[in-house]
PDB file of N, CA and C in Angstrom:
ATOM      1  N   MET A   1     107.512 115.483  75.352  1.00  0.00           N
ATOM      2  CA  MET A   1     106.790 114.489  74.718  1.00  0.00           C
ATOM      3  C   MET A   1     106.307 115.050  73.449  1.00  0.00           C
ATOM      4  N   HIS A   2     106.751 114.182  72.247  1.00  0.00           N
ATOM      5  CA  HIS A   2     106.240 114.330  71.277  1.00  0.00           C
ATOM      6  C   HIS A   2     105.042 114.831  70.998  1.00  0.00           C
ATOM      7  N   THR A   3     104.326 115.503  69.904  1.00  0.00           N
ATOM      8  CA  THR A   3     102.807 116.018  70.035  1.00  0.00           C
ATOM      9  C   THR A   3     101.756 114.621  69.498  1.00  0.00           C
ATOM     10  N   ASP A   4     102.672 113.734  68.345  1.00  0.00           N
ATOM     11  CA  ASP A   4     101.753 112.960  67.980  1.00  0.00           C
ATOM     12  C   ASP A   4     101.203 111.913  68.996  1.00  0.00           C
ATOM     13  N   SER A   5     102.270 111.913  69.904  1.00  0.00           N
ATOM     14  CA  SER A   5     102.051 110.748  70.997  1.00  0.00           C
ATOM     15  C   SER A   5     100.978 111.024  71.880  1.00  0.00           C
ATOM     16  N   LYS A   6     100.921 112.327  72.070  1.00  0.00           N
ATOM     17  CA  LYS A   6      99.656 112.598  72.949  1.00  0.00           C
ATOM     18  C   LYS A   6      98.547 112.379  72.174  1.00  0.00           C
ATOM     19  N   ALA A   7      98.023 112.982  70.646  1.00  0.00           N
ATOM     20  CA  ALA A   7      97.200 112.873  70.038  1.00  0.00           C
ATOM     21  C   ALA A   7      96.556 111.105  70.040  1.00  0.00           C
ATOM     22  N   THR A   8      97.685 110.656  70.189  1.00  0.00           N
ATOM     23  CA  THR A   8      98.067 108.888  69.937  1.00  0.00           C
ATOM     24  C   THR A   8      97.252 108.564  71.311  1.00  0.00           C
ATOM     25  N   LEU A   9      97.676 109.079  72.664  1.00  0.00           N
ATOM     26  CA  LEU A   9      96.765 108.793  73.551  1.00  0.00           C
ATOM     27  C   LEU A   9      95.515 109.097  73.881  1.00  0.00           C
ATOM     28  N   VAL A  10      95.459 110.397  73.430  1.00  0.00           N
ATOM     29  CA  VAL A  10      93.925 110.625  73.122  1.00  0.00           C
ATOM     30  C   VAL A  10      93.189 109.940  72.662  1.00  0.00           C
ATOM     31  N   ASP A  11      93.725 109.499  71.376  1.00  0.00           N
ATOM     32  CA  ASP A  11      92.926 108.524  70.470  1.00  0.00           C
ATOM     33  C   ASP A  11      92.506 107.128  71.310  1.00  0.00           C
ATOM     34  N   ARG A  12      93.645 106.737  72.234  1.00  0.00           N
ATOM     35  CA  ARG A  12      93.261 105.646  72.427  1.00  0.00           C
ATOM     36  C   ARG A  12      92.440 105.618  73.955  1.00  0.00           C
ATOM     37  N   LEU A  13      92.457 106.897  74.426  1.00  0.00           N
ATOM     38  CA  LEU A  13      91.336 107.007  75.586  1.00  0.00           C
ATOM     39  C   LEU A  13      90.200 107.539  75.267  1.00  0.00           C
ATOM     40  N   ALA A  14      89.873 108.035  74.043  1.00  0.00           N
ATOM     41  CA  ALA A  14      88.786 108.619  73.893  1.00  0.00           C
ATOM     42  C   ALA A  14      87.528 107.281  73.512  1.00  0.00           C
ATOM     43  N   GLY A  15      87.769 106.427  73.601  1.00  0.00           N
ATOM     44  CA  GLY A  15      86.772 105.120  73.648  1.00  0.00           C
ATOM     45  C   GLY A  15      86.257 105.084  74.741  1.00  0.00           C
ATOM     46  N   PHE A  16      86.495 105.704  75.653  1.00  0.00           N
ATOM     47  CA  PHE A  16      85.679 105.952  76.949  1.00  0.00           C
ATOM     48  C   PHE A  16      84.778 107.312  76.936  1.00  0.00           C
ATOM     49  N   ASP A  17      83.984 107.488  77.818  1.00  0.00           N
ATOM     50  CA  ASP A  17      83.074 108.556  77.922  1.00  0.00           C
ATOM     51  C   ASP A  17      83.478 109.785  78.834  1.00  0.00           C
ATOM     52  N   ARG A  18      83.330 108.809  79.853  1.00  0.00           N
ATOM     53  CA  ARG A  18      83.370 109.474  81.092  1.00  0.00           C
ATOM     54  C   ARG A  18      84.983 109.088  81.897  1.00  0.00           C
ATOM     55  N   LEU A  19      86.023 109.974  82.098  1.00  0.00           N
ATOM     56  CA  LEU A  19      87.224 109.815  82.040  1.00  0.00           C
ATOM     57  C   LEU A  19      87.775 110.831  83.566  1.00  0.00           C
ATOM     58  N   VAL A  20      88.639 110.479  84.499  1.00  0.00           N
ATOM     59  CA  VAL A  20      89.133 111.231  85.458  1.00  0.00           C
ATOM     60  C   VAL A  20      90.706 111.284  85.395  1.00  0.00           C
ATOM     61  N   GLU A  21      91.230 112.397  85.155  1.00  0.00           N
ATOM     62  CA  GLU A  21      92.985 112.193  84.817  1.00  0.00           C
ATOM     63  C   GLU A  21      93.206 112.679  86.519  1.00  0.00           C
ATOM     64  N   VAL A  22      94.299 111.931  87.011  1.00  0.00           N
ATOM     65  CA  VAL A  22      94.701 111.707  88.824  1.00  0.00           C
ATOM     66  C   VAL A  22      95.989 112.710  88.113  1.00  0.00           C
ATOM     67  N   GLY A  23      96.537 114.244  88.843  1.00  0.00           N
ATOM     68  CA  GLY A  23      97.239 114.721  88.748  1.00  0.00           C
ATOM     69  C   GLY A  23      97.723 115.490  87.897  1.00  0.00           C
ATOM     70  N   VAL A  24      96.577 116.201  87.192  1.00  0.00           N
ATOM     71  CA  VAL A  24      96.545 116.862  85.792  1.00  0.00           C
ATOM     72  C   VAL A  24      98.040 117.475  85.849  1.00  0.00           C
ATOM     73  N   GLY A  25      98.288 118.286  86.980  1.00  0.00           N
ATOM     74  CA  GLY A  25      99.384 119.577  86.799  1.00  0.00           C
ATOM     75  C   GLY A  25      99.012 120.476  86.043  1.00  0.00           C
ATOM     76  N   ASN A  26     100.087 120.785  85.199  1.00  0.00           N
ATOM     77  CA  ASN A  26      99.956 122.285  84.252  1.00  0.00           C
ATOM     78  C   ASN A  26      99.966 121.393  82.917  1.00  0.00           C
ATOM     79  N   ARG A  27      99.818 120.112  82.318  1.00  0.00           N
ATOM     80  CA  ARG A  27      99.779 119.667  81.488  1.00  0.00           C
ATOM     81  C   ARG A  27      98.302 119.087  80.730  1.00  0.00           C
ATOM     82  N   THR A  28      97.544 120.073  80.632  1.00  0.00           N
ATOM     83  CA  THR A  28      96.114 119.566  80.424  1.00  0.00           C
ATOM     84  C   THR A  28      95.721 119.473  78.698  1.00  0.00           C
ATOM     85  N   ASP A  29      96.628 118.853  77.992  1.00  0.00           N
ATOM     86  CA  ASP A  29      96.736 118.916  76.661  1.00  0.00           C
ATOM     87  C   ASP A  29      95.826 117.628  76.432  1.00  0.00           C
ATOM     88  N   VAL A  30      95.932 116.315  77.261  1.00  0.00           N
ATOM     89  CA  VAL A  30      95.354 115.078  77.148  1.00  0.00           C
ATOM     90  C   VAL A  30      93.773 115.639  77.152  1.00  0.00           C
ATOM     91  N   ALA A  31      93.740 115.664  78.456  1.00  0.00           N
ATOM     92  CA  ALA A  31      92.169 116.108  79.066  1.00  0.00           C
ATOM     93  C   ALA A  31      91.475 116.828  78.162  1.00  0.00           C
ATOM     94  N   ALA A  32      92.162 117.996  77.768  1.00  0.00           N
ATOM     95  CA  ALA A  32      91.379 118.759  76.594  1.00  0.00           C
ATOM     96  C   ALA A  32      91.252 117.743  75.345  1.00  0.00           C
ATOM     97  N   GLY A  33      92.149 117.261  74.850  1.00  0.00           N
ATOM     98  CA  GLY A  33      91.753 116.386  73.584  1.00  0.00           C
ATOM     99  C   GLY A  33      90.723 116.002  73.774  1.00  0.00           C
ATOM    100  N   LEU A  34      90.554 115.061  75.010  1.00  0.00           N
ATOM    101  CA  LEU A  34      89.314 114.468  75.160  1.00  0.00           C
ATOM    102  C   LEU A  34      87.766 115.197  75.193  1.00  0.00           C
ATOM    103  N   ALA A  35      88.108 116.089  76.182  1.00  0.00           N
ATOM    104  CA  ALA A  35      86.785 117.293  75.951  1.00  0.00           C
ATOM    105  C   ALA A  35      86.522 117.274  74.507  1.00  0.00           C
ATOM    106  N   GLU A  36      87.549 117.712  73.613  1.00  0.00           N
ATOM    107  CA  GLU A  36      87.316 118.186  72.312  1.00  0.00           C
ATOM    108  C   GLU A  36      86.444 117.203  71.465  1.00  0.00           C
ATOM    109  N   ARG A  37      86.714 116.034  72.013  1.00  0.00           N
ATOM    110  CA  ARG A  37      86.048 114.726  71.451  1.00  0.00           C
ATOM    111  C   ARG A  37      84.876 114.621  71.765  1.00  0.00           C
ATOM    112  N   GLY A  38      83.920 115.225  72.965  1.00  0.00           N
ATOM    113  CA  GLY A  38      83.086 115.153  73.439  1.00  0.00           C
ATOM    114  C   GLY A  38      82.956 114.537  74.871  1.00  0.00           C
ATOM    115  N   ARG A  39      84.012 113.973  75.458  1.00  0.00           N
ATOM    116  CA  ARG A  39      84.138 112.898  76.310  1.00  0.00           C
ATOM    117  C   ARG A  39      84.007 113.733  77.713  1.00  0.00           C
ATOM    118  N   THR A  40      83.469 113.272  78.793  1.00  0.00           N
ATOM    119  CA  THR A  40      83.366 114.171  79.980  1.00  0.00           C
ATOM    120  C   THR A  40      84.682 113.932  80.747  1.00  0.00           C
ATOM    121  N   VAL A  41      85.237 115.065  81.049  1.00  0.00           N
ATOM    122  CA  VAL A  41      87.064 114.769  81.902  1.00  0.00           C
ATOM    123  C   VAL A  41      86.623 115.528  83.033  1.00  0.00           C
ATOM    124  N   THR A  42      87.286 114.832  83.945  1.00  0.00           N
ATOM    125  CA  THR A  42      87.613 115.499  85.406  1.00  0.00           C
ATOM    126  C   THR A  42      88.876 115.662  85.520  1.00  0.00           C
ATOM    127  N   ALA A  43      89.507 116.732  85.989  1.00  0.00           N
ATOM    128  CA  ALA A  43      91.137 116.593  86.235  1.00  0.00           C
ATOM    129  C   ALA A  43      90.913 116.514  87.739  1.00  0.00           C
ATOM    130  N   THR A  44      92.005 116.288  88.623  1.00  0.00           N
ATOM    131  CA  THR A  44      92.167 116.417  89.999  1.00  0.00           C
ATOM    132  C   THR A  44      93.809 116.616  90.119  1.00  0.00           C
ATOM    133  N   ASP A  45      93.757 117.069  91.265  1.00  0.00           N
ATOM    134  CA  ASP A  45      95.399 117.488  91.865  1.00  0.00           C
ATOM    135  C   ASP A  45      95.530 117.658  92.962  1.00  0.00           C
ATOM    136  N   ILE A  46      96.262 117.533  93.856  1.00  0.00           N
ATOM    137  CA  ILE A  46      96.171 117.878  95.528  1.00  0.00           C
ATOM    138  C   ILE A  46      96.396 119.528  95.092  1.00  0.00           C
ATOM    139  N   HIS A  47      97.141 120.308  94.132  1.00  0.00           N
ATOM    140  CA  HIS A  47      97.029 121.845  94.326  1.00  0.00           C
ATOM    141  C   HIS A  47      96.055 122.017  93.242  1.00  0.00           C
ATOM    142  N   GLU A  48      95.713 123.577  93.399  1.00  0.00           N
ATOM    143  CA  GLU A  48      94.720 124.086  92.787  1.00  0.00           C
ATOM    144  C   GLU A  48      95.257 124.300  91.495  1.00  0.00           C
ATOM    145  N   ARG A  49      94.505 123.853  90.220  1.00  0.00           N
ATOM    146  CA  ARG A  49      95.167 123.985  88.671  1.00  0.00           C
ATOM    147  C   ARG A  49      94.121 124.359  87.430  1.00  0.00           C
ATOM    148  N   PRO A  50      94.680 125.374  86.863  1.00  0.00           N
ATOM    149  CA  PRO A  50      93.658 126.057  85.800  1.00  0.00           C
ATOM    150  C   PRO A  50      93.639 124.768  85.093  1.00  0.00           C
ATOM    151  N   THR A  51      92.609 124.899  84.416  1.00  0.00           N
ATOM    152  CA  THR A  51      92.160 123.695  83.364  1.00  0.00           C
ATOM    153  C   THR A  51      90.912 124.504  82.335  1.00  0.00           C
ATOM    154  N   PRO A  52      91.013 123.629  81.092  1.00  0.00           N
ATOM    155  CA  PRO A  52      90.202 124.487  80.274  1.00  0.00           C
ATOM    156  C   PRO A  52      89.038 124.604  80.618  1.00  0.00           C
ATOM    157  N   SER A  53      88.017 125.061  79.840  1.00  0.00           N
ATOM    158  CA  SER A  53      86.647 125.671  80.650  1.00  0.00           C
ATOM    159  C   SER A  53      85.813 124.554  80.507  1.00  0.00           C
ATOM    160  N   ASP A  54      86.072 123.295  79.347  1.00  0.00           N
ATOM    161  CA  ASP A  54      85.395 121.785  79.084  1.00  0.00           C
ATOM    162  C   ASP A  54      85.935 120.880  80.000  1.00  0.00           C
ATOM    163  N   VAL A  55      86.818 121.517  80.945  1.00  0.00           N
ATOM    164  CA  VAL A  55      87.690 120.199  81.835  1.00  0.00           C
ATOM    165  C   VAL A  55      86.844 120.728  83.094  1.00  0.00           C
ATOM    166  N   ARG A  56      86.343 119.745  84.101  1.00  0.00           N
ATOM    167  CA  ARG A  56      86.381 119.830  85.255  1.00  0.00           C
ATOM    168  C   ARG A  56      87.166 119.962  86.203  1.00  0.00           C
ATOM    169  N   PHE A  57      87.677 121.013  87.222  1.00  0.00           N
ATOM    170  CA  PHE A  57      88.751 120.614  87.908  1.00  0.00           C
ATOM    171  C   PHE A  57      88.157 120.381  89.533  1.00  0.00           C
ATOM    172  N   VAL A  58      88.847 119.231  89.901  1.00  0.00           N
ATOM    173  CA  VAL A  58      88.754 119.071  91.321  1.00  0.00           C
ATOM    174  C   VAL A  58      89.477 118.587  92.592  1.00  0.00           C
ATOM    175  N   ARG A  59      89.902 119.796  93.588  1.00  0.00           N
ATOM    176  CA  ARG A  59      91.125 119.054  94.208  1.00  0.00           C
ATOM    177  C   ARG A  59      90.673 118.029  94.674  1.00  0.00           C
ATOM    178  N   ASP A  60      91.505 116.698  94.656  1.00  0.00           N
ATOM    179  CA  ASP A  60      91.706 115.419  95.546  1.00  0.00           C
ATOM    180  C   ASP A  60      93.149 115.358  95.425  1.00  0.00           C
ATOM    181  N   ASP A  61      93.461 114.197  96.576  1.00  0.00           N
ATOM    182  CA  ASP A  61      94.622 113.534  96.562  1.00  0.00           C
ATOM    183  C   ASP A  61      94.257 111.882  96.459  1.00  0.00           C
ATOM    184  N   VAL A  62      95.171 111.261  95.429  1.00  0.00           N
ATOM    185  CA  VAL A  62      94.553 109.808  95.067  1.00  0.00           C
ATOM    186  C   VAL A  62      94.739 108.906  96.076  1.00  0.00           C
ATOM    187  N   THR A  63      96.090 109.517  97.206  1.00  0.00           N
ATOM    188  CA  THR A  63      96.258 108.407  98.454  1.00  0.00           C
ATOM    189  C   THR A  63      95.162 108.675  99.551  1.00  0.00           C
ATOM    190  N   ASP A  64      94.104 109.428  99.576  1.00  0.00           N
ATOM    191  CA  ASP A  64      93.359 109.229 100.173  1.00  0.00           C
ATOM    192  C   ASP A  64      91.710 109.774  99.251  1.00  0.00           C
ATOM    193  N   PRO A  65      91.420 109.091  98.644  1.00  0.00           N
ATOM    194  CA  PRO A  65      90.260 109.927  97.040  1.00  0.00           C
ATOM    195  C   PRO A  65      89.208 110.266  97.671  1.00  0.00           C
ATOM    196  N   ASP A  66      88.247 111.093  97.281  1.00  0.00           N
ATOM    197  CA  ASP A  66      87.115 111.188  97.404  1.00  0.00           C
ATOM    198  C   ASP A  66      86.749 110.118  96.518  1.00  0.00           C
ATOM    199  N   VAL A  67      85.922 109.137  96.755  1.00  0.00           N
ATOM    200  CA  VAL A  67      85.530 108.153  95.987  1.00  0.00           C
ATOM    201  C   VAL A  67      84.025 108.422  94.928  1.00  0.00           C
ATOM    202  N   ALA A  68      83.583 109.609  95.642  1.00  0.00           N
ATOM    203  CA  ALA A  68      82.389 109.730  94.847  1.00  0.00           C
ATOM    204  C   ALA A  68      82.984 110.941  93.667  1.00  0.00           C
ATOM    205  N   LEU A  69      84.484 111.273  93.403  1.00  0.00           N
ATOM    206  CA  LEU A  69      84.726 111.821  92.146  1.00  0.00           C
ATOM    207  C   LEU A  69      84.499 110.652  90.918  1.00  0.00           C
ATOM    208  N   TYR A  70      85.384 109.634  91.590  1.00  0.00           N
ATOM    209  CA  TYR A  70      85.817 108.341  90.611  1.00  0.00           C
ATOM    210  C   TYR A  70      84.619 107.412  90.326  1.00  0.00           C
ATOM    211  N   ARG A  71      82.922 107.495  90.814  1.00  0.00           N
ATOM    212  CA  ARG A  71      82.157 106.688  90.585  1.00  0.00           C
ATOM    213  C   ARG A  71      81.666 106.793  89.539  1.00  0.00           C
ATOM    214  N   ASP A  72      81.463 107.578  88.573  1.00  0.00           N
ATOM    215  CA  ASP A  72      81.133 107.565  87.041  1.00  0.00           C
ATOM    216  C   ASP A  72      81.802 107.183  86.395  1.00  0.00           C
ATOM    217  N   ALA A  73      83.285 106.989  86.578  1.00  0.00           N
ATOM    218  CA  ALA A  73      84.353 107.344  85.727  1.00  0.00           C
ATOM    219  C   ALA A  73      84.511 105.559  84.929  1.00  0.00           C
ATOM    220  N   GLU A  74      84.671 105.669  83.686  1.00  0.00           N
ATOM    221  CA  GLU A  74      85.001 104.355  82.705  1.00  0.00           C
ATOM    222  C   GLU A  74      86.672 104.309  83.072  1.00  0.00           C
ATOM    223  N   ALA A  75      87.000 105.423  82.902  1.00  0.00           N
ATOM    224  CA  ALA A  75      88.200 105.093  82.863  1.00  0.00           C
ATOM    225  C   ALA A  75      89.098 106.518  83.971  1.00  0.00           C
ATOM    226  N   VAL A  76      90.221 106.074  84.697  1.00  0.00           N
ATOM    227  CA  VAL A  76      91.058 106.687  85.351  1.00  0.00           C
ATOM    228  C   VAL A  76      92.534 106.530  84.924  1.00  0.00           C
ATOM    229  N   TYR A  77      92.902 107.656  84.275  1.00  0.00           N
ATOM    230  CA  TYR A  77      94.413 107.590  84.328  1.00  0.00           C
ATOM    231  C   TYR A  77      95.323 108.728  84.895  1.00  0.00           C
ATOM    232  N   ALA A  78      96.398 108.369  84.284  1.00  0.00           N
ATOM    233  CA  ALA A  78      97.514 109.514  85.433  1.00  0.00           C
ATOM    234  C   ALA A  78      98.841 109.463  84.312  1.00  0.00           C
ATOM    235  N   LEU A  79      99.516 110.691  83.610  1.00  0.00           N
ATOM    236  CA  LEU A  79     100.471 110.918  82.949  1.00  0.00           C
ATOM    237  C   LEU A  79     101.749 110.849  83.959  1.00  0.00           C
ATOM    238  N   ASN A  80     102.722 110.660  83.809  1.00  0.00           N
ATOM    239  CA  ASN A  80     103.785 110.622  84.365  1.00  0.00           C
ATOM    240  C   ASN A  80     103.622 109.940  85.641  1.00  0.00           C
ATOM    241  N   CYS A  81     102.921 108.932  85.906  1.00  0.00           N
ATOM    242  CA  CYS A  81     102.432 108.544  86.916  1.00  0.00           C
ATOM    243  C   CYS A  81     103.980 108.334  88.076  1.00  0.00           C
ATOM    244  N   PRO A  82     104.464 108.610  88.834  1.00  0.00           N
ATOM    245  CA  PRO A  82     105.770 107.781  89.811  1.00  0.00           C
ATOM    246  C   PRO A  82     105.144 106.564  90.743  1.00  0.00           C
ATOM    247  N   PRO A  83     106.156 105.602  90.463  1.00  0.00           N
ATOM    248  CA  PRO A  83     105.574 104.260  91.555  1.00  0.00           C
ATOM    249  C   PRO A  83     105.042 104.345  92.557  1.00  0.00           C
ATOM    250  N   GLU A  84     105.280 105.582  93.409  1.00  0.00           N
ATOM    251  CA  GLU A  84     104.738 105.550  95.063  1.00  0.00           C
ATOM    252  C   GLU A  84     103.037 106.007  94.914  1.00  0.00           C
ATOM    253  N   LEU A  85     102.517 106.602  93.162  1.00  0.00           N
ATOM    254  CA  LEU A  85     101.046 106.383  93.159  1.00  0.00           C
ATOM    255  C   LEU A  85     100.492 105.613  92.526  1.00  0.00           C
ATOM    256  N   GLN A  86     100.951 104.471  92.020  1.00  0.00           N
ATOM    257  CA  GLN A  86     100.149 103.725  90.519  1.00  0.00           C
ATOM    258  C   GLN A  86      99.337 102.485  91.809  1.00  0.00           C
ATOM    259  N   ARG A  87      99.716 102.510  92.812  1.00  0.00           N
ATOM    260  CA  ARG A  87      98.847 101.372  93.588  1.00  0.00           C
ATOM    261  C   ARG A  87      97.614 102.037  93.903  1.00  0.00           C
ATOM    262  N   PRO A  88      97.870 103.629  94.844  1.00  0.00           N
ATOM    263  CA  PRO A  88      96.603 104.368  95.146  1.00  0.00           C
ATOM    264  C   PRO A  88      95.774 104.688  94.018  1.00  0.00           C
ATOM    265  N   LEU A  89      96.358 105.095  92.444  1.00  0.00           N
ATOM    266  CA  LEU A  89      95.750 105.118  91.297  1.00  0.00           C
ATOM    267  C   LEU A  89      94.821 103.751  90.780  1.00  0.00           C
ATOM    268  N   ALA A  90      95.526 102.785  90.875  1.00  0.00           N
ATOM    269  CA  ALA A  90      94.962 101.441  90.595  1.00  0.00           C
ATOM    270  C   ALA A  90      93.809 101.037  91.586  1.00  0.00           C
ATOM    271  N   GLU A  91      93.816 101.262  92.794  1.00  0.00           N
ATOM    272  CA  GLU A  91      93.042 101.289  93.530  1.00  0.00           C
ATOM    273  C   GLU A  91      91.880 101.915  93.696  1.00  0.00           C
ATOM    274  N   ALA A  92      91.549 103.536  93.415  1.00  0.00           N
ATOM    275  CA  ALA A  92      90.666 104.360  92.995  1.00  0.00           C
ATOM    276  C   ALA A  92      89.834 103.829  91.918  1.00  0.00           C
ATOM    277  N   ALA A  93      90.315 103.759  91.021  1.00  0.00           N
ATOM    278  CA  ALA A  93      89.805 103.171  89.336  1.00  0.00           C
ATOM    279  C   ALA A  93      89.169 101.840  89.851  1.00  0.00           C
ATOM    280  N   ALA A  94      89.239 100.805  90.773  1.00  0.00           N
ATOM    281  CA  ALA A  94      89.276  99.691  91.115  1.00  0.00           C
ATOM    282  C   ALA A  94      87.882  99.625  91.833  1.00  0.00           C
ATOM    283  N   ALA A  95      87.469 100.641  92.676  1.00  0.00           N
ATOM    284  CA  ALA A  95      86.695 100.948  93.232  1.00  0.00           C
ATOM    285  C   ALA A  95      85.417 101.773  93.053  1.00  0.00           C
ATOM    286  N   ALA A  96      86.024 102.264  91.611  1.00  0.00           N
ATOM    287  CA  ALA A  96      85.104 102.854  90.911  1.00  0.00           C
ATOM    288  C   ALA A  96      84.407 101.682  89.653  1.00  0.00           C
ATOM    289  N   GLY A  97      85.123 100.654  89.112  1.00  0.00           N
ATOM    290  CA  GLY A  97      85.077  99.793  88.546  1.00  0.00           C
ATOM    291  C   GLY A  97      85.463 100.263  87.380  1.00  0.00           C
ATOM    292  N   ALA A  98      86.494 100.805  87.157  1.00  0.00           N
ATOM    293  CA  ALA A  98      86.726 101.921  85.718  1.00  0.00           C
ATOM    294  C   ALA A  98      88.312 101.188  85.364  1.00  0.00           C
ATOM    295  N   ALA A  99      88.525 101.146  84.265  1.00  0.00           N
ATOM    296  CA  ALA A  99      89.602 100.825  83.870  1.00  0.00           C
ATOM    297  C   ALA A  99      90.776 102.066  84.454  1.00  0.00           C
ATOM    298  N   CYS A 100      92.047 101.287  84.338  1.00  0.00           N
ATOM    299  CA  CYS A 100      92.703 102.206  84.837  1.00  0.00           C
ATOM    300  C   CYS A 100      94.429 102.454  83.945  1.00  0.00           C
ATOM    301  N   PHE A 101      94.462 103.493  83.614  1.00  0.00           N
ATOM    302  CA  PHE A 101      95.908 103.759  82.668  1.00  0.00           C
ATOM    303  C   PHE A 101      96.905 104.469  83.175  1.00  0.00           C
ATOM    304  N   PHE A 102      97.847 104.544  83.054  1.00  0.00           N
ATOM    305  CA  PHE A 102      99.144 105.344  83.472  1.00  0.00           C
ATOM    306  C   PHE A 102     100.166 105.503  82.193  1.00  0.00           C
ATOM    307  N   THR A 103     100.752 106.468  82.313  1.00  0.00           N
ATOM    308  CA  THR A 103     102.286 106.450  81.722  1.00  0.00           C
ATOM    309  C   THR A 103     103.493 106.882  83.066  1.00  0.00           C
ATOM    310  N   THR A 104     105.153 106.292  82.581  1.00  0.00           N
ATOM    311  CA  THR A 104     105.745 106.887  83.297  1.00  0.00           C
ATOM    312  C   THR A 104     106.456 107.737  82.619  1.00  0.00           C
ATOM    313  N   LEU A 105     107.295 108.246  83.748  1.00  0.00           N
ATOM    314  CA  LEU A 105     108.528 109.204  83.570  1.00  0.00           C
ATOM    315  C   LEU A 105     109.543 107.907  83.062  1.00  0.00           C
ATOM    316  N   GLY A 106     110.338 107.940  81.954  1.00  0.00           N
ATOM    317  CA  GLY A 106     111.192 107.558  81.064  1.00  0.00           C
ATOM    318  C   GLY A 106     111.396 106.148  81.738  1.00  0.00           C
ATOM    319  N   GLY A 107     112.514 106.286  82.957  1.00  0.00           N
ATOM    320  CA  GLY A 107     112.983 104.689  83.668  1.00  0.00           C
ATOM    321  C   GLY A 107     112.274 104.291  84.282  1.00  0.00           C
ATOM    322  N   ASP A 108     110.968 104.827  85.121  1.00  0.00           N
ATOM    323  CA  ASP A 108     110.317 104.639  86.025  1.00  0.00           C
ATOM    324  C   ASP A 108     109.569 103.176  85.509  1.00  0.00           C
ATOM    325  N   PRO A 109     109.476 101.922  86.613  1.00  0.00           N
ATOM    326  CA  PRO A 109     108.959 100.928  86.350  1.00  0.00           C
ATOM    327  C   PRO A 109     107.525 101.088  87.156  1.00  0.00           C
ATOM    328  N   ALA A 110     106.526 100.058  86.231  1.00  0.00           N
ATOM    329  CA  ALA A 110     105.249  99.807  86.932  1.00  0.00           C
ATOM    330  C   ALA A 110     105.825  99.130  87.684  1.00  0.00           C
ATOM    331  N   VAL A 111     104.725  99.292  88.922  1.00  0.00           N
ATOM    332  CA  VAL A 111     104.951  98.411  90.561  1.00  0.00           C
ATOM    333  C   VAL A 111     103.662  98.038  90.458  1.00  0.00           C
ATOM    334  N   VAL A 112     102.509  97.839  89.589  1.00  0.00           N
ATOM    335  CA  VAL A 112     101.173  97.311  89.792  1.00  0.00           C
ATOM    336  C   VAL A 112     101.262  96.159  88.637  1.00  0.00           C
ATOM    337  N   ASP A 113     100.675  95.277  88.744  1.00  0.00           N
ATOM    338  CA  ASP A 113     100.420  94.548  87.550  1.00  0.00           C
ATOM    339  C   ASP A 113      99.398  95.196  86.335  1.00  0.00           C
ATOM    340  N   ALA A 114     100.523  95.260  85.221  1.00  0.00           N
ATOM    341  CA  ALA A 114      99.728  95.897  84.284  1.00  0.00           C
ATOM    342  C   ALA A 114     100.306  95.652  82.948  1.00  0.00           C
ATOM    343  N   THR A 115      99.442  95.977  81.454  1.00  0.00           N
ATOM    344  CA  THR A 115      99.743  95.331  80.444  1.00  0.00           C
ATOM    345  C   THR A 115     100.023  96.528  79.604  1.00  0.00           C
ATOM    346  N   THR A 116     101.398  96.137  79.055  1.00  0.00           N
ATOM    347  CA  THR A 116     102.026  97.360  78.342  1.00  0.00           C
ATOM    348  C   THR A 116     101.365  97.629  76.930  1.00  0.00           C
ATOM    349  N   GLU A 117     101.451  98.938  76.441  1.00  0.00           N
ATOM    350  CA  GLU A 117     100.782  99.122  74.860  1.00  0.00           C
ATOM    351  C   GLU A 117     101.741 100.102  74.684  1.00  0.00           C
ATOM    352  N   THR A 118     102.280  99.760  73.228  1.00  0.00           N
ATOM    353  CA  THR A 118     103.252 100.759  72.920  1.00  0.00           C
ATOM    354  C   THR A 118     102.545 101.800  71.688  1.00  0.00           C
ATOM    355  N   LEU A 119     102.376 103.195  72.188  1.00  0.00           N
ATOM    356  CA  LEU A 119     101.943 104.287  71.605  1.00  0.00           C
ATOM    357  C   LEU A 119     103.328 104.990  71.202  1.00  0.00           C
ATOM    358  N   GLU A 120     103.060 106.064  69.728  1.00  0.00           N
ATOM    359  CA  GLU A 120     104.026 106.547  69.439  1.00  0.00           C
ATOM    360  C   GLU A 120     104.819 107.382  70.493  1.00  0.00           C
ATOM    361  N   ASP A 121     105.916 106.851  70.771  1.00  0.00           N
ATOM    362  CA  ASP A 121     106.931 107.913  71.483  1.00  0.00           C
ATOM    363  C   ASP A 121     106.544 107.308  72.922  1.00  0.00           C
ATOM    364  N   GLU A 122     105.826 106.643  73.308  1.00  0.00           N
ATOM    365  CA  GLU A 122     105.783 106.496  75.314  1.00  0.00           C
ATOM    366  C   GLU A 122     104.937 104.809  75.338  1.00  0.00           C
ATOM    367  N   THR A 123     105.104 104.741  76.378  1.00  0.00           N
ATOM    368  CA  THR A 123     104.648 103.379  76.965  1.00  0.00           C
ATOM    369  C   THR A 123     103.202 103.371  77.537  1.00  0.00           C
ATOM    370  N   LEU A 124     102.087 103.266  77.202  1.00  0.00           N
ATOM    371  CA  LEU A 124     100.885 103.237  78.038  1.00  0.00           C
ATOM    372  C   LEU A 124     100.483 101.849  78.776  1.00  0.00           C
ATOM    373  N   PHE A 125     100.685 101.871  80.126  1.00  0.00           N
ATOM    374  CA  PHE A 125      99.756 100.717  81.101  1.00  0.00           C
ATOM    375  C   PHE A 125      98.628 100.557  81.169  1.00  0.00           C
ATOM    376  N   ARG A 126      98.297  99.538  81.188  1.00  0.00           N
ATOM    377  CA  ARG A 126      96.873  99.384  81.334  1.00  0.00           C
ATOM    378  C   ARG A 126      97.014  98.110  82.385  1.00  0.00           C
ATOM    379  N   VAL A 127      96.160  98.906  83.869  1.00  0.00           N
ATOM    380  CA  VAL A 127      96.518  98.097  85.077  1.00  0.00           C
ATOM    381  C   VAL A 127      95.334  96.807  85.057  1.00  0.00           C
ATOM    382  N   ASN A 128      95.959  95.603  85.201  1.00  0.00           N
ATOM    383  CA  ASN A 128      95.259  94.470  85.239  1.00  0.00           C
ATOM    384  C   ASN A 128      93.807  94.145  85.898  1.00  0.00           C
ATOM    385  N   PRO A 129      93.158  94.141  85.635  1.00  0.00           N
ATOM    386  CA  PRO A 129      91.878  93.841  87.087  1.00  0.00           C
ATOM    387  C   PRO A 129      91.991  92.469  87.825  1.00  0.00           C
TER     388      PRO A 129
END
């Protein structure tokens, strides 16, 4: 992924003060970029993952989420979200009353009702309420 697209993605998500990134994996640059802008970011994954010191990490499985993790979020997002996790992601965000965003791997479709937004070098999906 091109660096400018990540900066653009950070720009787009920085409009929210409290965010949860689902399935952070080893890609912490978006969460780190948001934290650098003073946003409160919690990163989750089913496996223990190292995150920057200003990004809180919590082990969680979005298919059986700890709803307390999402309760204060204004936005929930996932990068390279596979089709099988889009619905659980959207449900976790909806339960918290949070906006929901995701990107996919190149050819993967959105399987939930979502509006697309073209960012530099990638498409951002916003789940429709």
